[in-house]
Amino acid sequence: MCIQCSIQNLGITNVQGKYLAKDGGPKEARLNKYKGRYAEAESRYGLRPNVVAAVQAYVDLSKHSGISPTALALR
């Protein structure tokens, strides 16, 4: 399985790493905006420890490659 396919199936729709911030990311971001109001989305897209680690590794890889995480996902 390619890394792009793996990233797309991590259970989080955004590979930019915005949810990795200590404050949980932007308040207007989808996972924050509806937090506590949509249980199915939280269970499906919630930031489980393995997801956080995988997204962080992906963000680090993109920085090392000199491109954005979004551009890396599209390659």
Protein backbone atom coordinates (compact mmCIF):
# COMPACT_ATOMS: atom_id res chain seq x y z
CA MET A 1 0.00 0.00 0.00
CA CYS A 2 1.37 3.43 -0.92
CA ILE A 3 1.86 6.10 1.74
CA GLN A 4 -0.76 8.36 0.11
CA CYS A 5 -3.34 5.58 0.37
CA SER A 6 -2.39 4.99 4.00
CA ILE A 7 -2.64 8.69 4.88
CA GLN A 8 -6.03 9.00 3.23
CA ASN A 9 -7.31 6.12 5.39
CA LEU A 10 -5.97 7.32 8.73
CA GLY A 11 -9.37 8.36 9.99
CA ILE A 12 -8.66 12.06 9.58
CA THR A 13 -9.52 13.95 6.45
CA ASN A 14 -6.89 16.65 6.77
CA VAL A 15 -3.20 15.83 6.38
CA GLN A 16 -2.01 19.39 6.93
CA GLY A 17 -1.38 18.67 10.61
CA LYS A 18 -3.55 21.53 11.85
CA TYR A 19 -5.09 19.37 14.57
CA LEU A 20 -1.64 18.55 15.97
CA ALA A 21 -1.35 21.99 17.63
CA LYS A 22 -1.42 21.96 21.43
CA ASP A 23 -4.67 23.94 21.38
CA GLY A 24 -6.29 21.39 19.05
CA GLY A 25 -6.11 23.54 15.96
CA PRO A 26 -8.33 26.30 14.60
CA LYS A 27 -11.68 26.75 16.36
CA GLU A 28 -13.44 26.94 13.00
CA ALA A 29 -11.96 23.63 11.82
CA ARG A 30 -14.59 20.96 11.21
CA LEU A 31 -13.51 18.58 14.02
CA ASN A 32 -13.47 21.44 16.54
CA LYS A 33 -16.52 23.31 15.33
CA TYR A 34 -18.85 20.35 15.83
CA LYS A 35 -17.07 18.70 18.76
CA GLY A 36 -19.56 17.01 21.06
CA ARG A 37 -22.44 17.48 18.63
CA TYR A 38 -21.87 14.66 16.16
CA ALA A 39 -20.78 11.41 17.83
CA GLU A 40 -20.43 9.42 14.60
CA ALA A 41 -17.95 11.90 13.14
CA GLU A 42 -15.94 12.00 16.37
CA SER A 43 -15.71 8.22 16.51
CA ARG A 44 -14.78 8.01 12.84
CA TYR A 45 -12.44 11.00 12.55
CA GLY A 46 -11.31 11.46 16.14
CA LEU A 47 -7.62 11.88 16.85
CA ARG A 48 -6.64 8.53 18.31
CA PRO A 49 -3.00 8.21 19.44
CA ASN A 50 -1.98 6.13 16.42
CA VAL A 51 -3.55 8.69 14.08
CA VAL A 52 -1.73 11.59 15.76
CA ALA A 53 1.60 9.75 15.47
CA ALA A 54 1.01 8.85 11.82
CA VAL A 55 -0.05 12.38 10.84
CA GLN A 56 2.97 13.83 12.68
CA ALA A 57 5.29 11.47 10.80
CA TYR A 58 3.64 12.48 7.52
CA VAL A 59 4.02 16.20 8.31
CA ASP A 60 7.67 15.62 9.21
CA LEU A 61 8.21 13.74 5.93
CA SER A 62 6.70 16.59 3.94
CA LYS A 63 8.89 19.17 5.71
CA HIS A 64 11.96 17.03 5.04
CA SER A 65 10.94 16.84 1.38
CA GLY A 66 10.45 20.60 1.18
CA ILE A 67 6.79 20.48 0.16
CA SER A 68 3.50 20.92 1.98
CA PRO A 69 1.66 17.88 3.34
CA THR A 70 -1.16 18.59 0.89
CA ALA A 71 1.22 18.60 -2.09
CA LEU A 72 2.78 15.35 -0.86
CA ALA A 73 -0.65 13.74 -0.64
CA LEU A 74 -1.35 14.69 -4.26
CA ARG A 75 1.85 13.19 -5.62
